[in-house]
Amino acid sequence: MAGLAAGLIIAGGATRLMQGVLFGVGPLDVVAFTVAPAVLIPIAVIACLLPANRAARIDPLEALRSE
């Protein structure tokens, strides 16, 4: 969540620098700043949970023996 907050603050500041290349979107478009995190947060959660679930199913002794 801290990274999300920092990213939104940095993105808000960067829009002033990128106003020339933003077509059809305002510099501080609320929809764009809402939809992007709403899409990226579930993707990040899934990307973290899938390997964690796989690692949790492995027997610790078996994992140590393979090293």
C-alpha atoms as a PDB file:
ATOM      1  CA  MET A   1       0.000   0.000   0.000  1.00  0.00           C
ATOM      2  CA  ALA A   2       2.909   2.334   0.674  1.00  0.00           C
ATOM      3  CA  GLY A   3       4.209   1.679  -2.836  1.00  0.00           C
ATOM      4  CA  LEU A   4       0.771   2.373  -4.259  1.00  0.00           C
ATOM      5  CA  ALA A   5       0.559   5.686  -2.427  1.00  0.00           C
ATOM      6  CA  ALA A   6       4.073   6.674  -3.489  1.00  0.00           C
ATOM      7  CA  GLY A   7       3.355   5.672  -7.076  1.00  0.00           C
ATOM      8  CA  LEU A   8       0.176   7.734  -7.208  1.00  0.00           C
ATOM      9  CA  ILE A   9       1.976  10.775  -5.811  1.00  0.00           C
ATOM     10  CA  ILE A  10       4.841  10.398  -8.287  1.00  0.00           C
ATOM     11  CA  ALA A  11       2.419   9.781 -11.163  1.00  0.00           C
ATOM     12  CA  GLY A  12       0.473  12.896 -10.195  1.00  0.00           C
ATOM     13  CA  GLY A  13       3.669  14.924 -10.340  1.00  0.00           C
ATOM     14  CA  ALA A  14       4.801  13.314 -13.579  1.00  0.00           C
ATOM     15  CA  THR A  15       1.588  14.263 -15.366  1.00  0.00           C
ATOM     16  CA  ARG A  16       2.706  17.879 -15.393  1.00  0.00           C
ATOM     17  CA  LEU A  17       5.827  16.822 -17.280  1.00  0.00           C
ATOM     18  CA  MET A  18       3.883  14.581 -19.683  1.00  0.00           C
ATOM     19  CA  GLN A  19       0.955  16.856 -20.570  1.00  0.00           C
ATOM     20  CA  GLY A  20       2.129  16.976 -24.171  1.00  0.00           C
ATOM     21  CA  VAL A  21       1.735  13.220 -24.691  1.00  0.00           C
ATOM     22  CA  LEU A  22      -1.539  12.684 -22.794  1.00  0.00           C
ATOM     23  CA  PHE A  23      -4.251  12.476 -25.439  1.00  0.00           C
ATOM     24  CA  GLY A  24      -7.869  12.210 -24.332  1.00  0.00           C
ATOM     25  CA  VAL A  25      -6.911  12.127 -20.644  1.00  0.00           C
ATOM     26  CA  GLY A  26      -6.632  15.080 -18.321  1.00  0.00           C
ATOM     27  CA  PRO A  27      -3.474  15.521 -16.267  1.00  0.00           C
ATOM     28  CA  LEU A  28      -5.206  14.441 -13.047  1.00  0.00           C
ATOM     29  CA  ASP A  29      -7.978  12.257 -14.476  1.00  0.00           C
ATOM     30  CA  VAL A  30      -9.741  10.624 -11.530  1.00  0.00           C
ATOM     31  CA  VAL A  31     -10.939   7.645 -13.569  1.00  0.00           C
ATOM     32  CA  ALA A  32      -7.439   6.796 -14.794  1.00  0.00           C
ATOM     33  CA  PHE A  33      -5.971   7.156 -11.301  1.00  0.00           C
ATOM     34  CA  THR A  34      -8.724   4.891  -9.910  1.00  0.00           C
ATOM     35  CA  VAL A  35      -8.875   2.180 -12.565  1.00  0.00           C
ATOM     36  CA  ALA A  36      -5.125   1.589 -12.794  1.00  0.00           C
ATOM     37  CA  PRO A  37      -4.671   0.624  -9.114  1.00  0.00           C
ATOM     38  CA  ALA A  38      -7.977  -1.283  -9.143  1.00  0.00           C
ATOM     39  CA  VAL A  39      -6.603  -3.473 -11.934  1.00  0.00           C
ATOM     40  CA  LEU A  40      -3.005  -3.739 -10.731  1.00  0.00           C
ATOM     41  CA  ILE A  41      -3.661  -4.581  -7.063  1.00  0.00           C
ATOM     42  CA  PRO A  42      -5.522  -7.875  -7.765  1.00  0.00           C
ATOM     43  CA  ILE A  43      -2.863  -8.843 -10.320  1.00  0.00           C
ATOM     44  CA  ALA A  44      -0.116  -8.220  -7.746  1.00  0.00           C
ATOM     45  CA  VAL A  45      -1.980 -10.211  -5.091  1.00  0.00           C
ATOM     46  CA  ILE A  46      -2.423 -13.162  -7.448  1.00  0.00           C
ATOM     47  CA  ALA A  47       1.230 -12.948  -8.512  1.00  0.00           C
ATOM     48  CA  CYS A  48       2.258 -13.206  -4.848  1.00  0.00           C
ATOM     49  CA  LEU A  49      -0.230 -15.859  -3.765  1.00  0.00           C
ATOM     50  CA  LEU A  50       0.401 -18.415  -6.498  1.00  0.00           C
ATOM     51  CA  PRO A  51       4.088 -19.034  -5.682  1.00  0.00           C
ATOM     52  CA  ALA A  52       3.377 -18.786  -1.934  1.00  0.00           C
ATOM     53  CA  ASN A  53       0.724 -21.504  -2.167  1.00  0.00           C
ATOM     54  CA  ARG A  54       3.048 -23.728  -4.160  1.00  0.00           C
ATOM     55  CA  ALA A  55       5.865 -23.208  -1.655  1.00  0.00           C
ATOM     56  CA  ALA A  56       3.547 -23.893   1.284  1.00  0.00           C
ATOM     57  CA  ARG A  57       2.631 -27.312  -0.128  1.00  0.00           C
ATOM     58  CA  ILE A  58       6.247 -28.519  -0.297  1.00  0.00           C
ATOM     59  CA  ASP A  59       7.599 -30.516   2.647  1.00  0.00           C
ATOM     60  CA  PRO A  60      10.383 -28.437   4.278  1.00  0.00           C
ATOM     61  CA  LEU A  61      12.721 -31.429   4.690  1.00  0.00           C
ATOM     62  CA  GLU A  62      12.317 -32.346   1.040  1.00  0.00           C
ATOM     63  CA  ALA A  63      13.079 -28.767   0.001  1.00  0.00           C
ATOM     64  CA  LEU A  64      16.221 -28.726   2.136  1.00  0.00           C
ATOM     65  CA  ARG A  65      17.440 -32.053   0.742  1.00  0.00           C
ATOM     66  CA  SER A  66      17.281 -30.755  -2.813  1.00  0.00           C
ATOM     67  CA  GLU A  67      19.743 -27.976  -1.934  1.00  0.00           C
END
